[in-house]
Amino acid sequence: GTAANQAAWSTLGDGGTALDAVERG
């Protein structure tokens, strides 16, 4: 989950949606 979280954070940190973040992660 650490690597997955990093990918999700690249969406969240830019103001993206939680839905896009979890899919990307």
PDBML (XML) file of the C-alpha atoms, coordinates in Angstrom:
<?xml version="1.0" encoding="UTF-8" ?>
<PDBx:datablock datablockName="MODEL"
   xmlns:PDBx="http://pdbml.pdb.org/schema/pdbx-v50.xsd"
   xmlns:xsi="http://www.w3.org/2001/XMLSchema-instance"
   xsi:schemaLocation="http://pdbml.pdb.org/schema/pdbx-v50.xsd pdbx-v50.xsd">
   <PDBx:atom_siteCategory>
      <PDBx:atom_site id="1">
         <PDBx:B_iso_or_equiv>0.00</PDBx:B_iso_or_equiv>
         <PDBx:Cartn_x>0.000</PDBx:Cartn_x>
         <PDBx:Cartn_y>0.000</PDBx:Cartn_y>
         <PDBx:Cartn_z>0.000</PDBx:Cartn_z>
         <PDBx:auth_asym_id>A</PDBx:auth_asym_id>
         <PDBx:auth_atom_id>CA</PDBx:auth_atom_id>
         <PDBx:auth_comp_id>GLY</PDBx:auth_comp_id>
         <PDBx:auth_seq_id>1</PDBx:auth_seq_id>
         <PDBx:group_PDB>ATOM</PDBx:group_PDB>
         <PDBx:label_alt_id xsi:nil="true" />
         <PDBx:label_asym_id>A</PDBx:label_asym_id>
         <PDBx:label_atom_id>CA</PDBx:label_atom_id>
         <PDBx:label_comp_id>GLY</PDBx:label_comp_id>
         <PDBx:label_entity_id>1</PDBx:label_entity_id>
         <PDBx:label_seq_id>1</PDBx:label_seq_id>
         <PDBx:occupancy>1.00</PDBx:occupancy>
         <PDBx:pdbx_PDB_model_num>1</PDBx:pdbx_PDB_model_num>
         <PDBx:type_symbol>C</PDBx:type_symbol>
      </PDBx:atom_site>
      <PDBx:atom_site id="2">
         <PDBx:B_iso_or_equiv>0.00</PDBx:B_iso_or_equiv>
         <PDBx:Cartn_x>2.959</PDBx:Cartn_x>
         <PDBx:Cartn_y>2.370</PDBx:Cartn_y>
         <PDBx:Cartn_z>0.407</PDBx:Cartn_z>
         <PDBx:auth_asym_id>A</PDBx:auth_asym_id>
         <PDBx:auth_atom_id>CA</PDBx:auth_atom_id>
         <PDBx:auth_comp_id>THR</PDBx:auth_comp_id>
         <PDBx:auth_seq_id>2</PDBx:auth_seq_id>
         <PDBx:group_PDB>ATOM</PDBx:group_PDB>
         <PDBx:label_alt_id xsi:nil="true" />
         <PDBx:label_asym_id>A</PDBx:label_asym_id>
         <PDBx:label_atom_id>CA</PDBx:label_atom_id>
         <PDBx:label_comp_id>THR</PDBx:label_comp_id>
         <PDBx:label_entity_id>1</PDBx:label_entity_id>
         <PDBx:label_seq_id>2</PDBx:label_seq_id>
         <PDBx:occupancy>1.00</PDBx:occupancy>
         <PDBx:pdbx_PDB_model_num>1</PDBx:pdbx_PDB_model_num>
         <PDBx:type_symbol>C</PDBx:type_symbol>
      </PDBx:atom_site>
      <PDBx:atom_site id="3">
         <PDBx:B_iso_or_equiv>0.00</PDBx:B_iso_or_equiv>
         <PDBx:Cartn_x>3.605</PDBx:Cartn_x>
         <PDBx:Cartn_y>2.582</PDBx:Cartn_y>
         <PDBx:Cartn_z>-3.337</PDBx:Cartn_z>
         <PDBx:auth_asym_id>A</PDBx:auth_asym_id>
         <PDBx:auth_atom_id>CA</PDBx:auth_atom_id>
         <PDBx:auth_comp_id>ALA</PDBx:auth_comp_id>
         <PDBx:auth_seq_id>3</PDBx:auth_seq_id>
         <PDBx:group_PDB>ATOM</PDBx:group_PDB>
         <PDBx:label_alt_id xsi:nil="true" />
         <PDBx:label_asym_id>A</PDBx:label_asym_id>
         <PDBx:label_atom_id>CA</PDBx:label_atom_id>
         <PDBx:label_comp_id>ALA</PDBx:label_comp_id>
         <PDBx:label_entity_id>1</PDBx:label_entity_id>
         <PDBx:label_seq_id>3</PDBx:label_seq_id>
         <PDBx:occupancy>1.00</PDBx:occupancy>
         <PDBx:pdbx_PDB_model_num>1</PDBx:pdbx_PDB_model_num>
         <PDBx:type_symbol>C</PDBx:type_symbol>
      </PDBx:atom_site>
      <PDBx:atom_site id="4">
         <PDBx:B_iso_or_equiv>0.00</PDBx:B_iso_or_equiv>
         <PDBx:Cartn_x>-0.117</PDBx:Cartn_x>
         <PDBx:Cartn_y>2.630</PDBx:Cartn_y>
         <PDBx:Cartn_z>-4.023</PDBx:Cartn_z>
         <PDBx:auth_asym_id>A</PDBx:auth_asym_id>
         <PDBx:auth_atom_id>CA</PDBx:auth_atom_id>
         <PDBx:auth_comp_id>ALA</PDBx:auth_comp_id>
         <PDBx:auth_seq_id>4</PDBx:auth_seq_id>
         <PDBx:group_PDB>ATOM</PDBx:group_PDB>
         <PDBx:label_alt_id xsi:nil="true" />
         <PDBx:label_asym_id>A</PDBx:label_asym_id>
         <PDBx:label_atom_id>CA</PDBx:label_atom_id>
         <PDBx:label_comp_id>ALA</PDBx:label_comp_id>
         <PDBx:label_entity_id>1</PDBx:label_entity_id>
         <PDBx:label_seq_id>4</PDBx:label_seq_id>
         <PDBx:occupancy>1.00</PDBx:occupancy>
         <PDBx:pdbx_PDB_model_num>1</PDBx:pdbx_PDB_model_num>
         <PDBx:type_symbol>C</PDBx:type_symbol>
      </PDBx:atom_site>
      <PDBx:atom_site id="5">
         <PDBx:B_iso_or_equiv>0.00</PDBx:B_iso_or_equiv>
         <PDBx:Cartn_x>-0.566</PDBx:Cartn_x>
         <PDBx:Cartn_y>5.521</PDBx:Cartn_y>
         <PDBx:Cartn_z>-1.589</PDBx:Cartn_z>
         <PDBx:auth_asym_id>A</PDBx:auth_asym_id>
         <PDBx:auth_atom_id>CA</PDBx:auth_atom_id>
         <PDBx:auth_comp_id>ASN</PDBx:auth_comp_id>
         <PDBx:auth_seq_id>5</PDBx:auth_seq_id>
         <PDBx:group_PDB>ATOM</PDBx:group_PDB>
         <PDBx:label_alt_id xsi:nil="true" />
         <PDBx:label_asym_id>A</PDBx:label_asym_id>
         <PDBx:label_atom_id>CA</PDBx:label_atom_id>
         <PDBx:label_comp_id>ASN</PDBx:label_comp_id>
         <PDBx:label_entity_id>1</PDBx:label_entity_id>
         <PDBx:label_seq_id>5</PDBx:label_seq_id>
         <PDBx:occupancy>1.00</PDBx:occupancy>
         <PDBx:pdbx_PDB_model_num>1</PDBx:pdbx_PDB_model_num>
         <PDBx:type_symbol>C</PDBx:type_symbol>
      </PDBx:atom_site>
      <PDBx:atom_site id="6">
         <PDBx:B_iso_or_equiv>0.00</PDBx:B_iso_or_equiv>
         <PDBx:Cartn_x>2.161</PDBx:Cartn_x>
         <PDBx:Cartn_y>7.485</PDBx:Cartn_y>
         <PDBx:Cartn_z>-3.333</PDBx:Cartn_z>
         <PDBx:auth_asym_id>A</PDBx:auth_asym_id>
         <PDBx:auth_atom_id>CA</PDBx:auth_atom_id>
         <PDBx:auth_comp_id>GLN</PDBx:auth_comp_id>
         <PDBx:auth_seq_id>6</PDBx:auth_seq_id>
         <PDBx:group_PDB>ATOM</PDBx:group_PDB>
         <PDBx:label_alt_id xsi:nil="true" />
         <PDBx:label_asym_id>A</PDBx:label_asym_id>
         <PDBx:label_atom_id>CA</PDBx:label_atom_id>
         <PDBx:label_comp_id>GLN</PDBx:label_comp_id>
         <PDBx:label_entity_id>1</PDBx:label_entity_id>
         <PDBx:label_seq_id>6</PDBx:label_seq_id>
         <PDBx:occupancy>1.00</PDBx:occupancy>
         <PDBx:pdbx_PDB_model_num>1</PDBx:pdbx_PDB_model_num>
         <PDBx:type_symbol>C</PDBx:type_symbol>
      </PDBx:atom_site>
      <PDBx:atom_site id="7">
         <PDBx:B_iso_or_equiv>0.00</PDBx:B_iso_or_equiv>
         <PDBx:Cartn_x>0.293</PDBx:Cartn_x>
         <PDBx:Cartn_y>7.227</PDBx:Cartn_y>
         <PDBx:Cartn_z>-6.619</PDBx:Cartn_z>
         <PDBx:auth_asym_id>A</PDBx:auth_asym_id>
         <PDBx:auth_atom_id>CA</PDBx:auth_atom_id>
         <PDBx:auth_comp_id>ALA</PDBx:auth_comp_id>
         <PDBx:auth_seq_id>7</PDBx:auth_seq_id>
         <PDBx:group_PDB>ATOM</PDBx:group_PDB>
         <PDBx:label_alt_id xsi:nil="true" />
         <PDBx:label_asym_id>A</PDBx:label_asym_id>
         <PDBx:label_atom_id>CA</PDBx:label_atom_id>
         <PDBx:label_comp_id>ALA</PDBx:label_comp_id>
         <PDBx:label_entity_id>1</PDBx:label_entity_id>
         <PDBx:label_seq_id>7</PDBx:label_seq_id>
         <PDBx:occupancy>1.00</PDBx:occupancy>
         <PDBx:pdbx_PDB_model_num>1</PDBx:pdbx_PDB_model_num>
         <PDBx:type_symbol>C</PDBx:type_symbol>
      </PDBx:atom_site>
      <PDBx:atom_site id="8">
         <PDBx:B_iso_or_equiv>0.00</PDBx:B_iso_or_equiv>
         <PDBx:Cartn_x>-2.983</PDBx:Cartn_x>
         <PDBx:Cartn_y>8.186</PDBx:Cartn_y>
         <PDBx:Cartn_z>-4.948</PDBx:Cartn_z>
         <PDBx:auth_asym_id>A</PDBx:auth_asym_id>
         <PDBx:auth_atom_id>CA</PDBx:auth_atom_id>
         <PDBx:auth_comp_id>ALA</PDBx:auth_comp_id>
         <PDBx:auth_seq_id>8</PDBx:auth_seq_id>
         <PDBx:group_PDB>ATOM</PDBx:group_PDB>
         <PDBx:label_alt_id xsi:nil="true" />
         <PDBx:label_asym_id>A</PDBx:label_asym_id>
         <PDBx:label_atom_id>CA</PDBx:label_atom_id>
         <PDBx:label_comp_id>ALA</PDBx:label_comp_id>
         <PDBx:label_entity_id>1</PDBx:label_entity_id>
         <PDBx:label_seq_id>8</PDBx:label_seq_id>
         <PDBx:occupancy>1.00</PDBx:occupancy>
         <PDBx:pdbx_PDB_model_num>1</PDBx:pdbx_PDB_model_num>
         <PDBx:type_symbol>C</PDBx:type_symbol>
      </PDBx:atom_site>
      <PDBx:atom_site id="9">
         <PDBx:B_iso_or_equiv>0.00</PDBx:B_iso_or_equiv>
         <PDBx:Cartn_x>-1.305</PDBx:Cartn_x>
         <PDBx:Cartn_y>11.146</PDBx:Cartn_y>
         <PDBx:Cartn_z>-3.273</PDBx:Cartn_z>
         <PDBx:auth_asym_id>A</PDBx:auth_asym_id>
         <PDBx:auth_atom_id>CA</PDBx:auth_atom_id>
         <PDBx:auth_comp_id>TRP</PDBx:auth_comp_id>
         <PDBx:auth_seq_id>9</PDBx:auth_seq_id>
         <PDBx:group_PDB>ATOM</PDBx:group_PDB>
         <PDBx:label_alt_id xsi:nil="true" />
         <PDBx:label_asym_id>A</PDBx:label_asym_id>
         <PDBx:label_atom_id>CA</PDBx:label_atom_id>
         <PDBx:label_comp_id>TRP</PDBx:label_comp_id>
         <PDBx:label_entity_id>1</PDBx:label_entity_id>
         <PDBx:label_seq_id>9</PDBx:label_seq_id>
         <PDBx:occupancy>1.00</PDBx:occupancy>
         <PDBx:pdbx_PDB_model_num>1</PDBx:pdbx_PDB_model_num>
         <PDBx:type_symbol>C</PDBx:type_symbol>
      </PDBx:atom_site>
      <PDBx:atom_site id="10">
         <PDBx:B_iso_or_equiv>0.00</PDBx:B_iso_or_equiv>
         <PDBx:Cartn_x>-0.143</PDBx:Cartn_x>
         <PDBx:Cartn_y>12.505</PDBx:Cartn_y>
         <PDBx:Cartn_z>-6.627</PDBx:Cartn_z>
         <PDBx:auth_asym_id>A</PDBx:auth_asym_id>
         <PDBx:auth_atom_id>CA</PDBx:auth_atom_id>
         <PDBx:auth_comp_id>SER</PDBx:auth_comp_id>
         <PDBx:auth_seq_id>10</PDBx:auth_seq_id>
         <PDBx:group_PDB>ATOM</PDBx:group_PDB>
         <PDBx:label_alt_id xsi:nil="true" />
         <PDBx:label_asym_id>A</PDBx:label_asym_id>
         <PDBx:label_atom_id>CA</PDBx:label_atom_id>
         <PDBx:label_comp_id>SER</PDBx:label_comp_id>
         <PDBx:label_entity_id>1</PDBx:label_entity_id>
         <PDBx:label_seq_id>10</PDBx:label_seq_id>
         <PDBx:occupancy>1.00</PDBx:occupancy>
         <PDBx:pdbx_PDB_model_num>1</PDBx:pdbx_PDB_model_num>
         <PDBx:type_symbol>C</PDBx:type_symbol>
      </PDBx:atom_site>
      <PDBx:atom_site id="11">
         <PDBx:B_iso_or_equiv>0.00</PDBx:B_iso_or_equiv>
         <PDBx:Cartn_x>-3.854</PDBx:Cartn_x>
         <PDBx:Cartn_y>12.984</PDBx:Cartn_y>
         <PDBx:Cartn_z>-7.371</PDBx:Cartn_z>
         <PDBx:auth_asym_id>A</PDBx:auth_asym_id>
         <PDBx:auth_atom_id>CA</PDBx:auth_atom_id>
         <PDBx:auth_comp_id>THR</PDBx:auth_comp_id>
         <PDBx:auth_seq_id>11</PDBx:auth_seq_id>
         <PDBx:group_PDB>ATOM</PDBx:group_PDB>
         <PDBx:label_alt_id xsi:nil="true" />
         <PDBx:label_asym_id>A</PDBx:label_asym_id>
         <PDBx:label_atom_id>CA</PDBx:label_atom_id>
         <PDBx:label_comp_id>THR</PDBx:label_comp_id>
         <PDBx:label_entity_id>1</PDBx:label_entity_id>
         <PDBx:label_seq_id>11</PDBx:label_seq_id>
         <PDBx:occupancy>1.00</PDBx:occupancy>
         <PDBx:pdbx_PDB_model_num>1</PDBx:pdbx_PDB_model_num>
         <PDBx:type_symbol>C</PDBx:type_symbol>
      </PDBx:atom_site>
      <PDBx:atom_site id="12">
         <PDBx:B_iso_or_equiv>0.00</PDBx:B_iso_or_equiv>
         <PDBx:Cartn_x>-4.958</PDBx:Cartn_x>
         <PDBx:Cartn_y>14.146</PDBx:Cartn_y>
         <PDBx:Cartn_z>-3.923</PDBx:Cartn_z>
         <PDBx:auth_asym_id>A</PDBx:auth_asym_id>
         <PDBx:auth_atom_id>CA</PDBx:auth_atom_id>
         <PDBx:auth_comp_id>LEU</PDBx:auth_comp_id>
         <PDBx:auth_seq_id>12</PDBx:auth_seq_id>
         <PDBx:group_PDB>ATOM</PDBx:group_PDB>
         <PDBx:label_alt_id xsi:nil="true" />
         <PDBx:label_asym_id>A</PDBx:label_asym_id>
         <PDBx:label_atom_id>CA</PDBx:label_atom_id>
         <PDBx:label_comp_id>LEU</PDBx:label_comp_id>
         <PDBx:label_entity_id>1</PDBx:label_entity_id>
         <PDBx:label_seq_id>12</PDBx:label_seq_id>
         <PDBx:occupancy>1.00</PDBx:occupancy>
         <PDBx:pdbx_PDB_model_num>1</PDBx:pdbx_PDB_model_num>
         <PDBx:type_symbol>C</PDBx:type_symbol>
      </PDBx:atom_site>
      <PDBx:atom_site id="13">
         <PDBx:B_iso_or_equiv>0.00</PDBx:B_iso_or_equiv>
         <PDBx:Cartn_x>-2.063</PDBx:Cartn_x>
         <PDBx:Cartn_y>16.558</PDBx:Cartn_y>
         <PDBx:Cartn_z>-3.493</PDBx:Cartn_z>
         <PDBx:auth_asym_id>A</PDBx:auth_asym_id>
         <PDBx:auth_atom_id>CA</PDBx:auth_atom_id>
         <PDBx:auth_comp_id>GLY</PDBx:auth_comp_id>
         <PDBx:auth_seq_id>13</PDBx:auth_seq_id>
         <PDBx:group_PDB>ATOM</PDBx:group_PDB>
         <PDBx:label_alt_id xsi:nil="true" />
         <PDBx:label_asym_id>A</PDBx:label_asym_id>
         <PDBx:label_atom_id>CA</PDBx:label_atom_id>
         <PDBx:label_comp_id>GLY</PDBx:label_comp_id>
         <PDBx:label_entity_id>1</PDBx:label_entity_id>
         <PDBx:label_seq_id>13</PDBx:label_seq_id>
         <PDBx:occupancy>1.00</PDBx:occupancy>
         <PDBx:pdbx_PDB_model_num>1</PDBx:pdbx_PDB_model_num>
         <PDBx:type_symbol>C</PDBx:type_symbol>
      </PDBx:atom_site>
      <PDBx:atom_site id="14">
         <PDBx:B_iso_or_equiv>0.00</PDBx:B_iso_or_equiv>
         <PDBx:Cartn_x>-3.053</PDBx:Cartn_x>
         <PDBx:Cartn_y>18.351</PDBx:Cartn_y>
         <PDBx:Cartn_z>-6.693</PDBx:Cartn_z>
         <PDBx:auth_asym_id>A</PDBx:auth_asym_id>
         <PDBx:auth_atom_id>CA</PDBx:auth_atom_id>
         <PDBx:auth_comp_id>ASP</PDBx:auth_comp_id>
         <PDBx:auth_seq_id>14</PDBx:auth_seq_id>
         <PDBx:group_PDB>ATOM</PDBx:group_PDB>
         <PDBx:label_alt_id xsi:nil="true" />
         <PDBx:label_asym_id>A</PDBx:label_asym_id>
         <PDBx:label_atom_id>CA</PDBx:label_atom_id>
         <PDBx:label_comp_id>ASP</PDBx:label_comp_id>
         <PDBx:label_entity_id>1</PDBx:label_entity_id>
         <PDBx:label_seq_id>14</PDBx:label_seq_id>
         <PDBx:occupancy>1.00</PDBx:occupancy>
         <PDBx:pdbx_PDB_model_num>1</PDBx:pdbx_PDB_model_num>
         <PDBx:type_symbol>C</PDBx:type_symbol>
      </PDBx:atom_site>
      <PDBx:atom_site id="15">
         <PDBx:B_iso_or_equiv>0.00</PDBx:B_iso_or_equiv>
         <PDBx:Cartn_x>-6.617</PDBx:Cartn_x>
         <PDBx:Cartn_y>18.796</PDBx:Cartn_y>
         <PDBx:Cartn_z>-5.472</PDBx:Cartn_z>
         <PDBx:auth_asym_id>A</PDBx:auth_asym_id>
         <PDBx:auth_atom_id>CA</PDBx:auth_atom_id>
         <PDBx:auth_comp_id>GLY</PDBx:auth_comp_id>
         <PDBx:auth_seq_id>15</PDBx:auth_seq_id>
         <PDBx:group_PDB>ATOM</PDBx:group_PDB>
         <PDBx:label_alt_id xsi:nil="true" />
         <PDBx:label_asym_id>A</PDBx:label_asym_id>
         <PDBx:label_atom_id>CA</PDBx:label_atom_id>
         <PDBx:label_comp_id>GLY</PDBx:label_comp_id>
         <PDBx:label_entity_id>1</PDBx:label_entity_id>
         <PDBx:label_seq_id>15</PDBx:label_seq_id>
         <PDBx:occupancy>1.00</PDBx:occupancy>
         <PDBx:pdbx_PDB_model_num>1</PDBx:pdbx_PDB_model_num>
         <PDBx:type_symbol>C</PDBx:type_symbol>
      </PDBx:atom_site>
      <PDBx:atom_site id="16">
         <PDBx:B_iso_or_equiv>0.00</PDBx:B_iso_or_equiv>
         <PDBx:Cartn_x>-7.969</PDBx:Cartn_x>
         <PDBx:Cartn_y>15.798</PDBx:Cartn_y>
         <PDBx:Cartn_z>-7.343</PDBx:Cartn_z>
         <PDBx:auth_asym_id>A</PDBx:auth_asym_id>
         <PDBx:auth_atom_id>CA</PDBx:auth_atom_id>
         <PDBx:auth_comp_id>GLY</PDBx:auth_comp_id>
         <PDBx:auth_seq_id>16</PDBx:auth_seq_id>
         <PDBx:group_PDB>ATOM</PDBx:group_PDB>
         <PDBx:label_alt_id xsi:nil="true" />
         <PDBx:label_asym_id>A</PDBx:label_asym_id>
         <PDBx:label_atom_id>CA</PDBx:label_atom_id>
         <PDBx:label_comp_id>GLY</PDBx:label_comp_id>
         <PDBx:label_entity_id>1</PDBx:label_entity_id>
         <PDBx:label_seq_id>16</PDBx:label_seq_id>
         <PDBx:occupancy>1.00</PDBx:occupancy>
         <PDBx:pdbx_PDB_model_num>1</PDBx:pdbx_PDB_model_num>
         <PDBx:type_symbol>C</PDBx:type_symbol>
      </PDBx:atom_site>
      <PDBx:atom_site id="17">
         <PDBx:B_iso_or_equiv>0.00</PDBx:B_iso_or_equiv>
         <PDBx:Cartn_x>-10.902</PDBx:Cartn_x>
         <PDBx:Cartn_y>13.677</PDBx:Cartn_y>
         <PDBx:Cartn_z>-6.294</PDBx:Cartn_z>
         <PDBx:auth_asym_id>A</PDBx:auth_asym_id>
         <PDBx:auth_atom_id>CA</PDBx:auth_atom_id>
         <PDBx:auth_comp_id>THR</PDBx:auth_comp_id>
         <PDBx:auth_seq_id>17</PDBx:auth_seq_id>
         <PDBx:group_PDB>ATOM</PDBx:group_PDB>
         <PDBx:label_alt_id xsi:nil="true" />
         <PDBx:label_asym_id>A</PDBx:label_asym_id>
         <PDBx:label_atom_id>CA</PDBx:label_atom_id>
         <PDBx:label_comp_id>THR</PDBx:label_comp_id>
         <PDBx:label_entity_id>1</PDBx:label_entity_id>
         <PDBx:label_seq_id>17</PDBx:label_seq_id>
         <PDBx:occupancy>1.00</PDBx:occupancy>
         <PDBx:pdbx_PDB_model_num>1</PDBx:pdbx_PDB_model_num>
         <PDBx:type_symbol>C</PDBx:type_symbol>
      </PDBx:atom_site>
      <PDBx:atom_site id="18">
         <PDBx:B_iso_or_equiv>0.00</PDBx:B_iso_or_equiv>
         <PDBx:Cartn_x>-10.814</PDBx:Cartn_x>
         <PDBx:Cartn_y>10.810</PDBx:Cartn_y>
         <PDBx:Cartn_z>-3.831</PDBx:Cartn_z>
         <PDBx:auth_asym_id>A</PDBx:auth_asym_id>
         <PDBx:auth_atom_id>CA</PDBx:auth_atom_id>
         <PDBx:auth_comp_id>ALA</PDBx:auth_comp_id>
         <PDBx:auth_seq_id>18</PDBx:auth_seq_id>
         <PDBx:group_PDB>ATOM</PDBx:group_PDB>
         <PDBx:label_alt_id xsi:nil="true" />
         <PDBx:label_asym_id>A</PDBx:label_asym_id>
         <PDBx:label_atom_id>CA</PDBx:label_atom_id>
         <PDBx:label_comp_id>ALA</PDBx:label_comp_id>
         <PDBx:label_entity_id>1</PDBx:label_entity_id>
         <PDBx:label_seq_id>18</PDBx:label_seq_id>
         <PDBx:occupancy>1.00</PDBx:occupancy>
         <PDBx:pdbx_PDB_model_num>1</PDBx:pdbx_PDB_model_num>
         <PDBx:type_symbol>C</PDBx:type_symbol>
      </PDBx:atom_site>
      <PDBx:atom_site id="19">
         <PDBx:B_iso_or_equiv>0.00</PDBx:B_iso_or_equiv>
         <PDBx:Cartn_x>-12.407</PDBx:Cartn_x>
         <PDBx:Cartn_y>8.563</PDBx:Cartn_y>
         <PDBx:Cartn_z>-6.466</PDBx:Cartn_z>
         <PDBx:auth_asym_id>A</PDBx:auth_asym_id>
         <PDBx:auth_atom_id>CA</PDBx:auth_atom_id>
         <PDBx:auth_comp_id>LEU</PDBx:auth_comp_id>
         <PDBx:auth_seq_id>19</PDBx:auth_seq_id>
         <PDBx:group_PDB>ATOM</PDBx:group_PDB>
         <PDBx:label_alt_id xsi:nil="true" />
         <PDBx:label_asym_id>A</PDBx:label_asym_id>
         <PDBx:label_atom_id>CA</PDBx:label_atom_id>
         <PDBx:label_comp_id>LEU</PDBx:label_comp_id>
         <PDBx:label_entity_id>1</PDBx:label_entity_id>
         <PDBx:label_seq_id>19</PDBx:label_seq_id>
         <PDBx:occupancy>1.00</PDBx:occupancy>
         <PDBx:pdbx_PDB_model_num>1</PDBx:pdbx_PDB_model_num>
         <PDBx:type_symbol>C</PDBx:type_symbol>
      </PDBx:atom_site>
      <PDBx:atom_site id="20">
         <PDBx:B_iso_or_equiv>0.00</PDBx:B_iso_or_equiv>
         <PDBx:Cartn_x>-9.659</PDBx:Cartn_x>
         <PDBx:Cartn_y>9.231</PDBx:Cartn_y>
         <PDBx:Cartn_z>-9.005</PDBx:Cartn_z>
         <PDBx:auth_asym_id>A</PDBx:auth_asym_id>
         <PDBx:auth_atom_id>CA</PDBx:auth_atom_id>
         <PDBx:auth_comp_id>ASP</PDBx:auth_comp_id>
         <PDBx:auth_seq_id>20</PDBx:auth_seq_id>
         <PDBx:group_PDB>ATOM</PDBx:group_PDB>
         <PDBx:label_alt_id xsi:nil="true" />
         <PDBx:label_asym_id>A</PDBx:label_asym_id>
         <PDBx:label_atom_id>CA</PDBx:label_atom_id>
         <PDBx:label_comp_id>ASP</PDBx:label_comp_id>
         <PDBx:label_entity_id>1</PDBx:label_entity_id>
         <PDBx:label_seq_id>20</PDBx:label_seq_id>
         <PDBx:occupancy>1.00</PDBx:occupancy>
         <PDBx:pdbx_PDB_model_num>1</PDBx:pdbx_PDB_model_num>
         <PDBx:type_symbol>C</PDBx:type_symbol>
      </PDBx:atom_site>
      <PDBx:atom_site id="21">
         <PDBx:B_iso_or_equiv>0.00</PDBx:B_iso_or_equiv>
         <PDBx:Cartn_x>-7.055</PDBx:Cartn_x>
         <PDBx:Cartn_y>8.802</PDBx:Cartn_y>
         <PDBx:Cartn_z>-6.273</PDBx:Cartn_z>
         <PDBx:auth_asym_id>A</PDBx:auth_asym_id>
         <PDBx:auth_atom_id>CA</PDBx:auth_atom_id>
         <PDBx:auth_comp_id>ALA</PDBx:auth_comp_id>
         <PDBx:auth_seq_id>21</PDBx:auth_seq_id>
         <PDBx:group_PDB>ATOM</PDBx:group_PDB>
         <PDBx:label_alt_id xsi:nil="true" />
         <PDBx:label_asym_id>A</PDBx:label_asym_id>
         <PDBx:label_atom_id>CA</PDBx:label_atom_id>
         <PDBx:label_comp_id>ALA</PDBx:label_comp_id>
         <PDBx:label_entity_id>1</PDBx:label_entity_id>
         <PDBx:label_seq_id>21</PDBx:label_seq_id>
         <PDBx:occupancy>1.00</PDBx:occupancy>
         <PDBx:pdbx_PDB_model_num>1</PDBx:pdbx_PDB_model_num>
         <PDBx:type_symbol>C</PDBx:type_symbol>
      </PDBx:atom_site>
      <PDBx:atom_site id="22">
         <PDBx:B_iso_or_equiv>0.00</PDBx:B_iso_or_equiv>
         <PDBx:Cartn_x>-8.143</PDBx:Cartn_x>
         <PDBx:Cartn_y>5.348</PDBx:Cartn_y>
         <PDBx:Cartn_z>-5.103</PDBx:Cartn_z>
         <PDBx:auth_asym_id>A</PDBx:auth_asym_id>
         <PDBx:auth_atom_id>CA</PDBx:auth_atom_id>
         <PDBx:auth_comp_id>VAL</PDBx:auth_comp_id>
         <PDBx:auth_seq_id>22</PDBx:auth_seq_id>
         <PDBx:group_PDB>ATOM</PDBx:group_PDB>
         <PDBx:label_alt_id xsi:nil="true" />
         <PDBx:label_asym_id>A</PDBx:label_asym_id>
         <PDBx:label_atom_id>CA</PDBx:label_atom_id>
         <PDBx:label_comp_id>VAL</PDBx:label_comp_id>
         <PDBx:label_entity_id>1</PDBx:label_entity_id>
         <PDBx:label_seq_id>22</PDBx:label_seq_id>
         <PDBx:occupancy>1.00</PDBx:occupancy>
         <PDBx:pdbx_PDB_model_num>1</PDBx:pdbx_PDB_model_num>
         <PDBx:type_symbol>C</PDBx:type_symbol>
      </PDBx:atom_site>
      <PDBx:atom_site id="23">
         <PDBx:B_iso_or_equiv>0.00</PDBx:B_iso_or_equiv>
         <PDBx:Cartn_x>-8.426</PDBx:Cartn_x>
         <PDBx:Cartn_y>4.024</PDBx:Cartn_y>
         <PDBx:Cartn_z>-8.648</PDBx:Cartn_z>
         <PDBx:auth_asym_id>A</PDBx:auth_asym_id>
         <PDBx:auth_atom_id>CA</PDBx:auth_atom_id>
         <PDBx:auth_comp_id>GLU</PDBx:auth_comp_id>
         <PDBx:auth_seq_id>23</PDBx:auth_seq_id>
         <PDBx:group_PDB>ATOM</PDBx:group_PDB>
         <PDBx:label_alt_id xsi:nil="true" />
         <PDBx:label_asym_id>A</PDBx:label_asym_id>
         <PDBx:label_atom_id>CA</PDBx:label_atom_id>
         <PDBx:label_comp_id>GLU</PDBx:label_comp_id>
         <PDBx:label_entity_id>1</PDBx:label_entity_id>
         <PDBx:label_seq_id>23</PDBx:label_seq_id>
         <PDBx:occupancy>1.00</PDBx:occupancy>
         <PDBx:pdbx_PDB_model_num>1</PDBx:pdbx_PDB_model_num>
         <PDBx:type_symbol>C</PDBx:type_symbol>
      </PDBx:atom_site>
      <PDBx:atom_site id="24">
         <PDBx:B_iso_or_equiv>0.00</PDBx:B_iso_or_equiv>
         <PDBx:Cartn_x>-4.991</PDBx:Cartn_x>
         <PDBx:Cartn_y>5.349</PDBx:Cartn_y>
         <PDBx:Cartn_z>-9.542</PDBx:Cartn_z>
         <PDBx:auth_asym_id>A</PDBx:auth_asym_id>
         <PDBx:auth_atom_id>CA</PDBx:auth_atom_id>
         <PDBx:auth_comp_id>ARG</PDBx:auth_comp_id>
         <PDBx:auth_seq_id>24</PDBx:auth_seq_id>
         <PDBx:group_PDB>ATOM</PDBx:group_PDB>
         <PDBx:label_alt_id xsi:nil="true" />
         <PDBx:label_asym_id>A</PDBx:label_asym_id>
         <PDBx:label_atom_id>CA</PDBx:label_atom_id>
         <PDBx:label_comp_id>ARG</PDBx:label_comp_id>
         <PDBx:label_entity_id>1</PDBx:label_entity_id>
         <PDBx:label_seq_id>24</PDBx:label_seq_id>
         <PDBx:occupancy>1.00</PDBx:occupancy>
         <PDBx:pdbx_PDB_model_num>1</PDBx:pdbx_PDB_model_num>
         <PDBx:type_symbol>C</PDBx:type_symbol>
      </PDBx:atom_site>
      <PDBx:atom_site id="25">
         <PDBx:B_iso_or_equiv>0.00</PDBx:B_iso_or_equiv>
         <PDBx:Cartn_x>-3.510</PDBx:Cartn_x>
         <PDBx:Cartn_y>4.058</PDBx:Cartn_y>
         <PDBx:Cartn_z>-6.309</PDBx:Cartn_z>
         <PDBx:auth_asym_id>A</PDBx:auth_asym_id>
         <PDBx:auth_atom_id>CA</PDBx:auth_atom_id>
         <PDBx:auth_comp_id>GLY</PDBx:auth_comp_id>
         <PDBx:auth_seq_id>25</PDBx:auth_seq_id>
         <PDBx:group_PDB>ATOM</PDBx:group_PDB>
         <PDBx:label_alt_id xsi:nil="true" />
         <PDBx:label_asym_id>A</PDBx:label_asym_id>
         <PDBx:label_atom_id>CA</PDBx:label_atom_id>
         <PDBx:label_comp_id>GLY</PDBx:label_comp_id>
         <PDBx:label_entity_id>1</PDBx:label_entity_id>
         <PDBx:label_seq_id>25</PDBx:label_seq_id>
         <PDBx:occupancy>1.00</PDBx:occupancy>
         <PDBx:pdbx_PDB_model_num>1</PDBx:pdbx_PDB_model_num>
         <PDBx:type_symbol>C</PDBx:type_symbol>
      </PDBx:atom_site>
   </PDBx:atom_siteCategory>
</PDBx:datablock>
